[in-house]
Protein backbone atom coordinates (compact mmCIF):
# COMPACT_ATOMS: atom_id res chain seq x y z
CA GLN A 1 -206.17 -103.52 -128.31
CA THR A 2 -205.91 -100.75 -130.90
CA LEU A 3 -208.56 -98.56 -132.46
CA ARG A 4 -206.59 -96.06 -134.49
CA VAL A 5 -207.99 -93.25 -136.64
CA LEU A 6 -206.08 -90.85 -138.88
CA THR A 7 -207.51 -87.31 -138.91
CA GLY A 8 -206.94 -84.26 -141.09
CA ASP A 9 -207.83 -80.76 -139.92
CA ASP A 10 -208.31 -77.17 -141.02
CA THR A 11 -204.71 -76.14 -140.32
CA GLY A 12 -202.93 -78.88 -142.31
CA LEU A 13 -202.06 -81.25 -139.46
CA TYR A 14 -202.45 -85.03 -139.54
CA LYS A 15 -203.03 -86.83 -136.24
CA ILE A 16 -203.08 -90.51 -135.36
CA VAL A 17 -205.66 -91.02 -132.63
CA ASP A 18 -206.04 -94.16 -130.54
CA ALA A 19 -209.67 -94.16 -129.46
CA ALA A 20 -209.11 -97.15 -127.18
CA LYS A 21 -206.59 -95.19 -125.10
CA LYS A 22 -208.24 -91.77 -125.62
CA GLN A 23 -205.05 -90.10 -126.77
CA VAL A 24 -203.25 -88.63 -129.78
CA LEU A 25 -200.34 -90.93 -130.61
CA GLN A 26 -198.62 -88.90 -133.30
CA ARG A 27 -198.98 -85.69 -135.29
CA PHE A 28 -197.24 -84.47 -138.43
CA GLY A 29 -197.72 -82.01 -141.28
CA ALA A 30 -197.27 -78.25 -141.63
CA GLN A 31 -199.62 -75.50 -140.43
CA ARG A 32 -199.83 -72.89 -143.16
CA THR A 33 -202.52 -70.84 -144.87
CA GLY A 34 -204.24 -72.80 -147.63
CA ARG A 35 -203.12 -76.20 -146.30
CA ASN A 36 -206.60 -77.13 -145.07
CA ILE A 37 -206.99 -80.89 -145.56
CA GLU A 38 -210.21 -81.49 -147.50
CA ARG A 39 -210.09 -85.18 -148.57
CA MET A 40 -207.98 -88.20 -147.70
CA CYS A 41 -207.60 -91.77 -148.97
CA TRP A 42 -205.14 -94.59 -148.37
CA ALA A 43 -202.37 -95.10 -150.93
CA ARG A 44 -202.81 -98.86 -151.04
CA HIS A 45 -200.68 -99.34 -154.15
CA ILE A 46 -197.65 -98.14 -152.17
CA GLY A 47 -198.46 -100.39 -149.24
CA ILE A 48 -200.38 -100.65 -145.99
CA ASP A 49 -199.04 -103.17 -143.50
CA ALA A 50 -197.75 -103.49 -139.96
CA ASP A 51 -194.56 -101.61 -140.87
CA GLY A 52 -196.26 -98.52 -142.19
CA ALA A 53 -198.93 -96.91 -144.32
CA PHE A 54 -199.20 -94.07 -146.83
CA VAL A 55 -202.01 -91.59 -147.35
CA TYR A 56 -203.05 -89.18 -150.10
CA ALA A 57 -204.50 -85.84 -149.00
CA ALA A 58 -206.06 -83.07 -151.09
CA LEU A 59 -205.42 -79.57 -149.75
CA ARG A 60 -207.46 -76.44 -150.27
CA ASN A 61 -204.64 -74.73 -152.18
CA GLY A 62 -204.82 -77.35 -154.95
CA HIS A 63 -201.94 -79.60 -153.88
CA VAL A 64 -202.39 -83.35 -153.51
CA GLU A 65 -199.65 -84.81 -151.35
CA CYS A 66 -198.66 -88.28 -150.27
CA ARG A 67 -197.17 -88.93 -146.83
CA SER A 68 -195.98 -91.84 -144.76
CA VAL A 69 -198.02 -92.02 -141.57
CA THR A 70 -195.17 -93.81 -139.81
CA ASP A 71 -192.84 -90.80 -139.74
CA GLY A 72 -194.78 -88.11 -141.65
CA VAL A 73 -192.25 -87.98 -144.51
CA LEU A 74 -193.57 -86.32 -147.68
CA LEU A 75 -193.21 -88.38 -150.88
CA LYS A 76 -192.73 -85.64 -153.44
CA SER A 77 -192.70 -88.03 -156.41
CA HIS A 78 -196.26 -89.12 -155.62
CA GLY A 79 -197.69 -85.60 -155.30
CA PHE A 80 -199.43 -83.58 -158.01
CA GLU A 81 -201.40 -80.39 -158.58
CA LEU A 82 -205.09 -79.85 -159.24
CA LYS A 83 -205.94 -77.47 -162.04
CA THR A 84 -208.09 -75.36 -159.71
CA PRO A 85 -208.11 -75.22 -155.88
CA GLY A 86 -210.82 -77.01 -153.91
CA CYS A 87 -211.30 -80.78 -153.97
CA ALA A 88 -214.71 -82.47 -154.10
CA GLY A 89 -213.45 -86.04 -154.26
CA LEU A 90 -210.30 -88.15 -154.00
CA ALA A 91 -210.02 -91.91 -154.59
CA GLU A 92 -207.38 -94.46 -155.55
CA LEU A 93 -207.70 -96.74 -158.54
CA GLY A 94 -205.59 -99.77 -159.31
CA ASP A 95 -202.07 -99.65 -160.75
CA GLY A 96 -201.09 -96.51 -158.85
CA LYS A 97 -203.77 -94.27 -160.34
CA VAL A 98 -205.56 -91.57 -158.35
CA VAL A 99 -208.76 -89.85 -159.49
CA THR A 100 -209.72 -86.40 -158.21
CA CYS A 101 -212.51 -83.92 -158.85
CA THR A 102 -212.31 -80.18 -158.23
CA ARG A 103 -215.23 -78.06 -157.07
CA ASN A 104 -215.32 -76.63 -160.59
CA GLY A 105 -216.12 -80.12 -161.87
CA LEU A 106 -212.81 -81.03 -163.51
CA VAL A 107 -212.05 -84.76 -163.07
CA GLN A 108 -208.32 -85.53 -163.26
CA LEU A 109 -206.45 -88.82 -163.32
CA PHE A 110 -202.94 -89.03 -161.89
CA GLN A 111 -200.72 -92.01 -162.73
CA LYS A 112 -197.41 -92.69 -161.03
CA GLY A 113 -194.75 -94.28 -163.18
CA LYS A 114 -191.33 -93.63 -164.60
CA LYS A 115 -192.85 -90.39 -165.79
CA SER A 116 -195.81 -89.27 -163.70
CA THR A 117 -198.72 -87.85 -165.68
CA THR A 118 -201.88 -85.93 -164.80
CA GLN A 119 -204.69 -86.26 -167.33
CA GLU A 120 -207.86 -84.20 -167.53
CA VAL A 121 -210.61 -86.78 -168.04
CA LEU A 122 -213.91 -84.90 -168.12
CA ALA A 123 -215.86 -81.85 -166.93
CA ALA A 124 -218.61 -82.99 -164.57
CA GLY A 125 -220.21 -79.57 -163.98
CA GLU A 126 -219.59 -76.12 -162.58
CA LYS A 127 -220.42 -76.39 -158.86
CA ILE A 128 -219.60 -79.92 -157.74
CA SER A 129 -219.75 -80.63 -154.00
CA ARG A 130 -218.93 -84.35 -153.98
CA MET A 131 -217.45 -87.12 -156.09
CA ARG A 132 -217.21 -90.78 -155.08
CA LEU A 133 -215.82 -93.87 -156.78
CA LEU A 134 -217.82 -97.07 -157.11
CA SER A 135 -215.35 -99.28 -155.23
CA SER A 136 -216.28 -102.46 -157.10
CA THR A 137 -215.00 -100.85 -160.33
CA SER A 138 -211.79 -99.38 -158.89
CA SER A 139 -209.58 -102.08 -160.43
CA SER A 140 -211.60 -102.61 -163.61
CA LYS A 141 -211.00 -101.11 -167.03
CA ASN A 142 -214.22 -99.08 -166.74
CA PRO A 143 -214.19 -97.29 -163.37
CA ILE A 144 -217.43 -95.48 -162.44
CA VAL A 145 -217.67 -92.27 -160.41
CA ALA A 146 -220.70 -90.34 -159.18
CA THR A 147 -220.91 -86.54 -158.92
CA GLY A 148 -223.40 -83.99 -157.60
CA GLY A 149 -223.52 -80.42 -156.37
CA ASP A 150 -225.22 -77.06 -156.35
CA GLU A 151 -227.82 -77.25 -159.14
CA GLU A 152 -225.88 -80.27 -160.40
CA MET A 153 -228.01 -83.40 -160.62
CA LEU A 154 -226.59 -86.73 -159.53
CA LYS A 155 -224.69 -88.35 -162.42
CA LEU A 156 -222.67 -91.51 -163.02
CA TRP A 157 -219.60 -91.26 -165.27
CA ASP A 158 -217.53 -93.90 -167.02
CA LEU A 159 -213.93 -92.70 -166.77
CA SER A 160 -212.80 -94.87 -169.69
CA THR A 161 -215.17 -93.11 -172.13
CA ALA A 162 -215.59 -89.78 -170.25
CA GLN A 163 -219.35 -90.06 -170.84
CA PRO A 164 -222.27 -90.12 -168.39
CA THR A 165 -223.88 -93.55 -168.03
CA TRP A 166 -226.85 -92.39 -165.92
CA LYS A 167 -228.37 -89.07 -164.88
CA ALA A 168 -230.96 -88.38 -162.20
CA ARG A 169 -234.10 -86.35 -162.80
CA ASN A 170 -235.44 -83.75 -160.43
CA VAL A 171 -238.50 -84.55 -158.34
CA PRO A 172 -241.88 -83.12 -159.48
CA ASN A 173 -242.78 -79.52 -158.70
CA ASP A 174 -244.05 -78.71 -155.22
CA LYS A 175 -247.64 -77.86 -154.22
CA LEU A 176 -247.24 -74.33 -155.58
CA ASP A 177 -246.01 -75.78 -158.90
CA LEU A 178 -242.55 -74.36 -158.25
CA ARG A 179 -239.36 -76.14 -159.22
CA VAL A 180 -237.64 -77.92 -156.33
CA PRO A 181 -234.01 -76.69 -155.99
CA VAL A 182 -231.12 -79.17 -156.22
CA TYR A 183 -228.06 -79.15 -153.97
CA VAL A 184 -226.27 -82.47 -153.38
CA ARG A 185 -223.86 -82.06 -150.44
CA ASP A 186 -222.68 -85.66 -150.14
CA LEU A 187 -223.35 -89.06 -151.72
CA ASP A 188 -222.36 -92.70 -151.39
CA PHE A 189 -222.86 -96.05 -153.13
CA ILE A 190 -224.86 -98.75 -151.36
CA PRO A 191 -222.71 -101.91 -151.03
CA LYS A 192 -223.98 -105.46 -151.60
CA SER A 193 -226.70 -104.29 -154.03
CA THR A 194 -227.41 -106.17 -157.25
CA THR A 195 -227.99 -102.84 -158.99
CA ALA A 196 -226.16 -99.54 -158.59
CA LYS A 197 -227.93 -97.80 -155.72
CA LEU A 198 -226.88 -94.47 -154.26
CA VAL A 199 -227.84 -92.29 -151.32
CA THR A 200 -227.53 -88.51 -151.31
CA GLY A 201 -227.71 -85.83 -148.64
CA THR A 202 -228.83 -82.35 -149.69
CA ALA A 203 -228.52 -78.81 -148.41
CA TYR A 204 -232.33 -78.74 -148.22
CA HIS A 205 -232.52 -81.33 -145.42
CA GLN A 206 -233.32 -84.35 -147.63
CA ILE A 207 -231.85 -87.84 -147.71
CA ARG A 208 -232.66 -89.56 -151.00
CA LEU A 209 -232.20 -93.10 -152.28
CA TYR A 210 -231.68 -93.74 -156.01
CA ASP A 211 -231.87 -97.04 -157.87
CA THR A 212 -230.25 -96.54 -161.25
CA LYS A 213 -231.97 -99.62 -162.72
CA ALA A 214 -235.45 -98.65 -161.56
CA SER A 215 -235.84 -94.92 -162.15
CA GLN A 216 -234.10 -91.61 -162.66
CA ARG A 217 -236.02 -90.14 -159.74
CA PRO A 218 -235.40 -91.04 -156.10
CA VAL A 219 -237.07 -94.16 -154.71
CA TRP A 220 -237.83 -92.31 -151.49
CA THR A 221 -237.02 -89.04 -149.73
CA ILE A 222 -236.98 -88.31 -146.01
CA LYS A 223 -236.16 -85.23 -143.93
CA PRO A 224 -234.63 -86.29 -140.60
CA THR A 225 -233.88 -82.70 -139.51
CA ASP A 226 -234.48 -79.12 -140.59
CA ARG A 227 -230.77 -78.50 -141.26
CA ALA A 228 -228.50 -79.17 -144.21
CA VAL A 229 -227.14 -82.71 -144.47
CA CYS A 230 -223.33 -82.45 -144.52
CA SER A 231 -222.25 -86.10 -144.66
CA VAL A 232 -223.74 -89.46 -145.60
CA LEU A 233 -222.25 -92.95 -145.42
CA ALA A 234 -223.61 -96.34 -146.50
CA LEU A 235 -222.63 -99.07 -144.04
CA SER A 236 -221.24 -102.40 -145.17
CA ASP A 237 -224.39 -104.33 -144.16
CA GLY A 238 -226.04 -103.04 -147.34
CA HIS A 239 -229.22 -101.68 -145.76
CA THR A 240 -228.16 -98.96 -143.29
CA ILE A 241 -226.99 -95.42 -143.98
CA VAL A 242 -225.68 -92.76 -141.59
CA SER A 243 -226.25 -89.04 -142.05
CA GLY A 244 -224.82 -86.04 -140.20
CA ASP A 245 -226.12 -82.48 -140.42
CA GLY A 246 -224.81 -78.99 -139.75
CA ALA A 247 -225.64 -79.08 -136.04
CA GLY A 248 -224.16 -82.50 -135.33
CA ASP A 249 -227.36 -84.57 -135.36
CA THR A 250 -226.34 -87.99 -136.68
CA TYR A 251 -228.99 -90.53 -137.65
CA MET A 252 -229.00 -94.14 -138.83
CA VAL A 253 -231.61 -94.90 -141.51
CA ASP A 254 -232.81 -98.28 -142.78
CA ILE A 255 -233.14 -97.99 -146.57
CA ARG A 256 -235.51 -100.98 -146.77
CA ASN A 257 -238.38 -99.03 -145.22
CA SER A 258 -236.94 -95.47 -145.15
CA THR A 259 -237.21 -95.20 -141.36
CA ILE A 260 -234.84 -93.72 -138.78
CA VAL A 261 -233.65 -96.60 -136.60
CA GLY A 262 -231.47 -94.63 -134.20
CA LYS A 263 -229.45 -91.55 -133.39
CA LEU A 264 -225.76 -91.26 -132.53
CA LYS A 265 -225.55 -88.87 -129.59
CA GLY A 266 -222.85 -86.50 -128.40
CA VAL A 267 -221.80 -84.57 -131.51
CA GLY A 268 -221.72 -80.80 -130.98
CA GLY A 269 -220.71 -79.44 -134.41
CA ALA A 270 -221.24 -79.98 -138.11
CA VAL A 271 -220.33 -83.52 -139.16
CA THR A 272 -217.64 -83.20 -141.82
CA CYS A 273 -216.71 -86.86 -142.33
CA LEU A 274 -218.05 -90.34 -141.56
CA GLN A 275 -215.98 -93.52 -141.94
CA GLN A 276 -216.56 -97.20 -141.15
CA SER A 277 -213.83 -99.62 -140.05
CA ASP A 278 -212.89 -102.48 -142.35
CA ASP A 279 -214.49 -105.07 -140.07
CA GLY A 280 -217.73 -103.05 -139.99
CA LYS A 281 -217.89 -102.91 -136.19
CA TYR A 282 -217.05 -99.24 -135.68
CA LEU A 283 -218.01 -95.86 -137.10
CA ALA A 284 -215.81 -92.75 -136.86
CA SER A 285 -217.27 -89.25 -136.91
CA ALA A 286 -215.19 -86.09 -137.47
CA SER A 287 -216.82 -82.75 -136.74
CA LEU A 288 -216.16 -79.06 -136.31
CA ASP A 289 -216.37 -79.32 -132.51
CA ARG A 290 -212.78 -80.66 -132.62
CA PHE A 291 -213.67 -84.16 -131.45
CA VAL A 292 -213.25 -87.46 -133.27
CA ARG A 293 -215.81 -89.96 -132.00
CA VAL A 294 -215.96 -93.71 -132.45
CA TYR A 295 -219.30 -95.52 -132.21
CA SER A 296 -220.31 -99.17 -132.23
CA THR A 297 -222.39 -99.82 -135.34
CA ALA A 298 -224.27 -102.67 -133.64
CA SER A 299 -225.37 -100.89 -130.46
CA ARG A 300 -225.03 -97.27 -131.68
CA THR A 301 -223.26 -96.41 -128.42
CA LEU A 302 -220.29 -94.07 -128.11
CA VAL A 303 -217.14 -96.13 -127.59
CA ASN A 304 -214.80 -93.18 -127.02
CA LYS A 305 -214.13 -89.60 -128.09
CA VAL A 306 -210.83 -87.72 -128.35
CA TYR A 307 -210.27 -83.95 -128.41
CA VAL A 308 -207.75 -82.95 -131.11
CA LYS A 309 -207.68 -79.11 -130.73
CA GLN A 310 -208.30 -78.30 -134.43
CA ARG A 311 -211.49 -78.42 -136.48
CA LEU A 312 -211.61 -81.69 -138.38
CA ARG A 313 -212.34 -82.16 -142.07
CA ALA A 314 -211.44 -85.79 -142.80
CA CYS A 315 -210.76 -89.09 -141.03
CA LEU A 316 -209.74 -92.65 -141.94
CA PHE A 317 -209.72 -95.88 -139.98
CA PHE A 318 -206.46 -97.79 -140.00
CA PRO A 319 -207.01 -101.18 -141.63
CA ASP A 320 -205.23 -103.17 -138.89
CA GLN A 321 -207.84 -102.94 -136.13
CA ASP A 322 -208.32 -105.97 -133.91
CA GLY A 323 -212.03 -105.31 -133.35
CA SER A 324 -211.99 -105.59 -129.54
CA GLU A 325 -213.95 -103.25 -127.31
CA PRO A 326 -211.89 -100.78 -125.25
CA ALA A 327 -212.04 -101.41 -121.51
CA ASP A 328 -213.81 -98.90 -119.29
CA ASP A 329 -211.68 -96.66 -117.09
CA ALA A 330 -211.05 -97.91 -113.55
CA GLU A 331 -212.01 -94.50 -112.23
CA ASP A 332 -215.45 -94.80 -113.80
CA GLU A 333 -215.89 -98.19 -112.12
CA ASP A 334 -214.98 -96.65 -108.76
CA ASP A 335 -217.58 -93.93 -109.28
CA ASP A 336 -220.23 -96.53 -110.04
CA GLU A 337 -219.43 -98.43 -106.85
CA VAL A 338 -219.65 -95.24 -104.78
CA TRP A 339 -223.03 -94.24 -106.15
CA ASP A 340 -224.35 -97.78 -105.70
CA LEU A 341 -223.42 -97.63 -102.01
CA LEU A 342 -225.11 -94.27 -101.62
CA ALA A 343 -228.22 -95.47 -103.41
CA LYS A 344 -228.51 -98.48 -101.07
CA ARG A 345 -228.07 -96.31 -97.98
CA ASP A 346 -230.55 -93.65 -99.10
CA SER A 347 -233.15 -96.26 -100.05
CA ASP A 348 -233.58 -97.28 -96.38
CA GLY A 349 -236.85 -95.80 -95.20
CA VAL A 350 -237.63 -94.06 -98.50
CA GLY A 351 -240.34 -95.65 -100.63
CA GLU A 352 -240.71 -95.48 -104.38
CA GLY A 353 -242.07 -92.16 -105.56
CA VAL A 354 -241.67 -90.50 -102.12
CA ASP A 355 -239.96 -87.11 -101.92
CA ASN A 356 -237.20 -87.25 -99.28
CA GLY A 357 -237.04 -83.45 -99.08
CA GLU A 358 -233.36 -83.19 -100.05
CA THR A 359 -232.11 -79.62 -100.40
CA ALA A 360 -229.05 -78.14 -102.09
CA GLY A 361 -227.12 -78.34 -98.79
CA ALA A 362 -227.94 -82.02 -98.45
CA GLY A 363 -226.72 -82.62 -101.98
CA MET A 364 -223.35 -81.03 -101.11
CA LYS A 365 -223.08 -83.30 -98.03
CA ARG A 366 -223.76 -86.34 -100.20
CA ARG A 367 -221.01 -85.39 -102.64
CA ALA A 368 -218.53 -84.90 -99.76
CA GLU A 369 -219.46 -88.29 -98.34
CA ALA A 370 -219.03 -89.84 -101.78
CA LYS A 371 -215.47 -88.53 -101.95
CA LYS A 372 -214.66 -89.99 -98.52
CA ILE A 373 -216.03 -93.39 -99.49
CA LYS A 374 -214.04 -93.28 -102.73
CA LYS A 375 -210.79 -92.53 -100.84
CA LYS A 376 -211.44 -95.40 -98.41
CA SER A 377 -212.06 -97.82 -101.29
CA LYS A 378 -208.76 -96.81 -102.92
CA LYS A 379 -206.83 -97.32 -99.64
CA LYS A 380 -208.29 -100.80 -99.24
CA ARG A 381 -207.02 -101.68 -102.72
């Protein structure tokens, strides 16, 4: 089985990770100053199949490059430049078009053809942190994007007219009648909704749900932690969102009743990217602790994690996953058998809740005996 994830890091390297085998299969790219990979998306108009795939990546220095993930070859004809460095969003439209948004709020549209062109579409603001494309409109004549940032309210834009179609309003003043500050760190569209619904994560610890047909203000607001929310992702089931904060706490929230339904454990650094597999069974988490983790969306358990040496900024699931669960390591099974044998032996004569008076020296003896039993079990095999 395969469970491959493409990662992009702070040094400019791409890595193909197989979470099922817990190893890095391939790495490519160039490590240079300013080549920090900030956003990635698949170049589906070029092709993604069993023979190969292509990916767009926005770098901190303002370059947007396209590479083949099969051999890492750079396709110079598909690359282009952002007007200002720093990318807040990158997405592919139909017909070979790519939409980007800089942190200064400039939305650009790149079109590959006989003569490649880069068009400045609109100015979304001054301090934009995130832009996302409404995927259902990616191939339509009127694609919709959402933007938000530091003191930049959530807005929806029609790229065909370069005009906002909806704008959020700030929540009412607090108990001291002071204005509540605005800082949208990440946002996402809720799939399978009859109306355009969005979820946002803020630098002031809030997760907010917006229904553009119901109100300009959020439907509800919750604070799962006391740290800034770095990443949010709406799952394909249409009623669950995942949020990750600056310390690695990752929660799953049910938008139907605004309650936390679970926590994804094990992350030790700020969550920089969350991605769901095409079949909806797995969730990938990239973080600054240099691990890429893959979770099961059904059970919320950690399937596997892989150390990649560099701090991660972006990740993408390959679309050709077979959806099978990775097998547990044989060594782990051996350990379980050993501890089961020890538990049975120690249980003789020791009742429930009775202290057997084991000291540190006894614990060392037990570990030595466990190793002997493990060696004997391997010889028998």
